[in-house]
Amino acid sequence: MVNDVVDLTLTKPRTRRRFIKRWRTWRMSLAVVSLMLAGWLLWPATPRDLGVGKRLLTAHLLPAWREGELIVLVRHEERCDRSKTPCLGPLDGLTVVGNQHAEALGKAFRVLGMTRTDVLASPATRTVQTAQAMFGKVQLTADPQAICGEAIGEALLQHKHPGRNLIFVTHSGCIADFEKALGYPHAAFPQYGSALFIRARADGRFDTLGLVNGPAWTAVLKNL
């Protein structure tokens, strides 16, 4: 009987200590999960839309553009093989409307200024036609996948010269690859003619300034 009382007395503190230890562990786990959830909710799912209000100005895009610090990924305009509108030429190229939109997009970039900017394009028909409608002559990559995939950031830096912006006319999949590398794995699907603006830092890292979709340029330019 005495032994039973002693065992019971010793067991209660042990049980209490185990409970407290488990409670602390559970509380810490809950705190970690809460922080992760808060970070997920606060981190934007897609790059900032610079076509809203005066965001392009507040993002300090213009000073970086004038200094030749930016990389811009432009998605080709409307492709003919996925549209019912008339083709400009080959089926794998642009529509007539897409070519007109590309010309308007080129005018928007000329308003920003092209004196410190190089243009590069994927050699696919639709990207070549987009770049030519925007800027005329253009340098092409070796193949459509040359600047794409997980190492797209490194590949872009190899083509960007110090003090000069780089505009790369490319495909939605390659833009999505870059967005994923920048921390936006669930970004919205890039629209035709969308432009993603990235600042290339001296240490080789990137700052995502945001994107401008084609139809927004008219309003954006009025705010410059």
Foldseek 3Di string as FASTA:
>chain_A
DVVVVVVVVVVVVVVVVVVVVVVVVVVVVVVVVVVVVVVVVPDDLAFDACLPDNLCVVLVVLVLQQQAFKEKEWEFFAQQCPDPAACPDDNRAHHPVSLVLLLVLLVLVVLSPQPQEAEEEAPGRHLCSSCCSNPNDHHYDPHQCQQAAQCNLVSVVVVRDRRGYYYYHHHQRRVCNVCVNVPNNRHDGDHHGKMWMWGQDPVSDIDGSGIYHSVSSVVNVVSD
